[in-house]
Amino acid sequence: MKCKECSKCKKLKHLSEFRDDKRNKCGKDSWCKKCHRKATQEWRSKNKDHIKRSKKIYYQKHRDKLIQSVRQYQQNNPVEYKARDCLNKAIKCGKIIRPLYCGLCGKRCTPDGHHSDYSKPYEVMWLCRSCHNKLHKERG
């Protein structure tokens, strides 16, 4: 079993607990995934204004491309788009109340509405972003 010491927490951990990084000799990051995640969360919580400004600047620079991308999605996926649009409008006007927890892992969050059948726009499974992404990756 190959192990490496995390340069942040100084614990000896299996290589699978480190992200890939081709810049390092061993091909792994110097911080373990757990330390890296914690540092990223701390940075994001301290720099919310910076992130917001960056997103705004990016949108302003790429506005036309982003709008074109949305229109392309609408054209290629009309049923899915209509279902999402109906759900979002129902949430906005208060006909549907978004829960405060993920329906799979129970995490407190602002969950996404996952449609298993787009012909039923109001029948959704409420999932945190992580569970929602995992579900879509599993289903291909």
Protein backbone atom coordinates (compact mmCIF):
# COMPACT_ATOMS: atom_id res chain seq x y z
CA MET A 1 0.00 0.00 0.00
CA LYS A 2 1.51 3.31 -1.12
CA CYS A 3 1.21 6.17 1.32
CA LYS A 4 2.18 9.81 1.43
CA GLU A 5 2.25 12.48 4.14
CA CYS A 6 -0.08 15.46 3.69
CA SER A 7 2.00 18.63 3.94
CA LYS A 8 -0.95 20.44 5.56
CA CYS A 9 -2.22 18.06 8.29
CA LYS A 10 1.03 16.01 8.46
CA LYS A 11 -0.90 12.71 8.49
CA LEU A 12 0.21 9.66 6.54
CA LYS A 13 -2.53 8.77 4.06
CA HIS A 14 -3.11 6.42 1.13
CA LEU A 15 -2.39 7.91 -2.31
CA SER A 16 -6.07 7.63 -3.22
CA GLU A 17 -6.72 10.38 -0.64
CA PHE A 18 -4.74 12.87 -2.75
CA ARG A 19 -5.81 14.61 -5.95
CA ASP A 20 -3.83 14.00 -9.14
CA ASP A 21 -1.22 16.67 -9.90
CA LYS A 22 1.19 16.08 -12.78
CA ARG A 23 3.41 18.95 -11.60
CA ASN A 24 4.63 16.92 -8.61
CA LYS A 25 7.13 14.08 -8.94
CA CYS A 26 4.79 11.50 -7.44
CA GLY A 27 1.85 12.72 -9.56
CA LYS A 28 -0.25 13.68 -6.53
CA ASP A 29 -1.10 16.96 -4.78
CA SER A 30 0.87 17.80 -1.63
CA TRP A 31 -2.34 18.33 0.39
CA CYS A 32 -4.86 15.55 0.94
CA LYS A 33 -8.38 15.94 -0.48
CA LYS A 34 -9.83 16.66 2.97
CA CYS A 35 -7.38 19.51 3.69
CA HIS A 36 -7.79 20.89 0.18
CA ARG A 37 -11.60 20.88 0.52
CA LYS A 38 -11.43 22.60 3.91
CA ALA A 39 -9.06 25.32 2.62
CA THR A 40 -11.27 25.90 -0.43
CA GLN A 41 -14.41 26.24 1.73
CA GLU A 42 -12.63 28.70 4.03
CA TRP A 43 -11.38 30.77 1.08
CA ARG A 44 -14.85 30.87 -0.51
CA SER A 45 -16.51 31.95 2.73
CA LYS A 46 -13.97 34.77 3.17
CA ASN A 47 -14.13 35.90 -0.47
CA LYS A 48 -17.84 35.92 -1.33
CA ASP A 49 -17.66 39.49 -2.67
CA HIS A 50 -14.67 38.63 -4.87
CA ILE A 51 -16.47 35.57 -6.28
CA LYS A 52 -19.60 37.62 -6.95
CA ARG A 53 -17.60 40.32 -8.80
CA SER A 54 -15.73 37.71 -10.82
CA LYS A 55 -18.97 36.04 -11.91
CA LYS A 56 -20.44 39.41 -12.90
CA ILE A 57 -17.35 40.32 -14.94
CA TYR A 58 -17.35 36.91 -16.62
CA TYR A 59 -21.03 37.29 -17.52
CA GLN A 60 -20.46 40.77 -18.94
CA LYS A 61 -17.54 39.55 -21.08
CA HIS A 62 -19.29 36.40 -22.31
CA ARG A 63 -22.92 37.52 -22.28
CA ASP A 64 -23.63 36.77 -25.96
CA LYS A 65 -22.02 33.35 -25.79
CA LEU A 66 -23.94 32.43 -22.62
CA ILE A 67 -27.26 33.59 -24.07
CA GLN A 68 -26.59 31.63 -27.26
CA SER A 69 -25.81 28.54 -25.16
CA VAL A 70 -29.15 28.83 -23.31
CA ARG A 71 -31.05 29.29 -26.56
CA GLN A 72 -29.30 26.27 -28.07
CA TYR A 73 -30.26 24.18 -25.04
CA GLN A 74 -33.88 25.35 -25.32
CA GLN A 75 -33.99 24.32 -28.98
CA ASN A 76 -32.31 20.95 -28.43
CA ASN A 77 -34.26 20.05 -25.26
CA PRO A 78 -37.72 21.68 -25.43
CA VAL A 79 -39.49 19.19 -23.11
CA GLU A 80 -36.78 19.37 -20.42
CA TYR A 81 -36.62 23.16 -20.66
CA LYS A 82 -40.41 23.51 -20.34
CA ALA A 83 -40.49 21.22 -17.28
CA ARG A 84 -37.73 23.19 -15.54
CA ASP A 85 -39.38 26.49 -16.45
CA CYS A 86 -42.78 25.34 -15.07
CA LEU A 87 -41.17 24.15 -11.83
CA ASN A 88 -39.19 27.38 -11.36
CA LYS A 89 -42.30 29.52 -11.95
CA ALA A 90 -44.31 27.41 -9.47
CA ILE A 91 -41.57 27.86 -6.85
CA LYS A 92 -41.36 31.59 -7.50
CA CYS A 93 -45.12 32.18 -7.13
CA GLY A 94 -45.36 29.93 -4.05
CA LYS A 95 -47.38 27.04 -5.51
CA ILE A 96 -44.52 24.69 -4.67
CA ILE A 97 -42.35 25.05 -1.58
CA ARG A 98 -38.73 24.00 -1.96
CA PRO A 99 -37.65 21.91 1.06
CA LEU A 100 -34.57 22.76 3.12
CA TYR A 101 -32.98 19.30 2.90
CA CYS A 102 -31.74 16.84 0.28
CA GLY A 103 -34.12 13.94 -0.25
CA LEU A 104 -31.25 11.41 -0.45
CA CYS A 105 -28.52 12.37 1.99
CA GLY A 106 -30.55 14.67 4.28
CA LYS A 107 -28.04 17.52 3.99
CA ARG A 108 -29.41 20.99 4.76
CA CYS A 109 -29.22 22.95 1.50
CA THR A 110 -31.19 24.61 -1.27
CA PRO A 111 -31.97 21.44 -3.24
CA ASP A 112 -32.42 21.09 -7.00
CA GLY A 113 -35.61 19.57 -8.34
CA HIS A 114 -34.68 16.38 -10.24
CA HIS A 115 -37.18 15.25 -12.88
CA SER A 116 -37.33 11.52 -13.51
CA ASP A 117 -40.16 12.20 -16.01
CA TYR A 118 -40.13 15.57 -17.77
CA SER A 119 -43.77 15.17 -18.82
CA LYS A 120 -44.64 15.66 -15.12
CA PRO A 121 -42.96 19.01 -14.35
CA TYR A 122 -44.14 19.25 -10.73
CA GLU A 123 -43.11 15.71 -9.72
CA VAL A 124 -39.51 16.07 -8.63
CA MET A 125 -37.05 14.56 -6.21
CA TRP A 126 -35.34 17.28 -4.18
CA LEU A 127 -31.57 16.72 -4.20
CA CYS A 128 -28.49 18.63 -3.09
CA ARG A 129 -26.17 19.54 -5.96
CA SER A 130 -23.77 16.72 -5.07
CA CYS A 131 -26.45 13.99 -5.04
CA HIS A 132 -28.02 15.43 -8.19
CA ASN A 133 -24.70 15.32 -10.06
CA LYS A 134 -24.02 11.76 -8.86
CA LEU A 135 -27.46 10.64 -10.02
CA HIS A 136 -26.92 12.06 -13.50
CA LYS A 137 -23.44 10.52 -13.76
CA GLU A 138 -24.82 7.10 -12.80
CA ARG A 139 -27.60 7.33 -15.38
CA GLY A 140 -25.22 8.54 -18.08
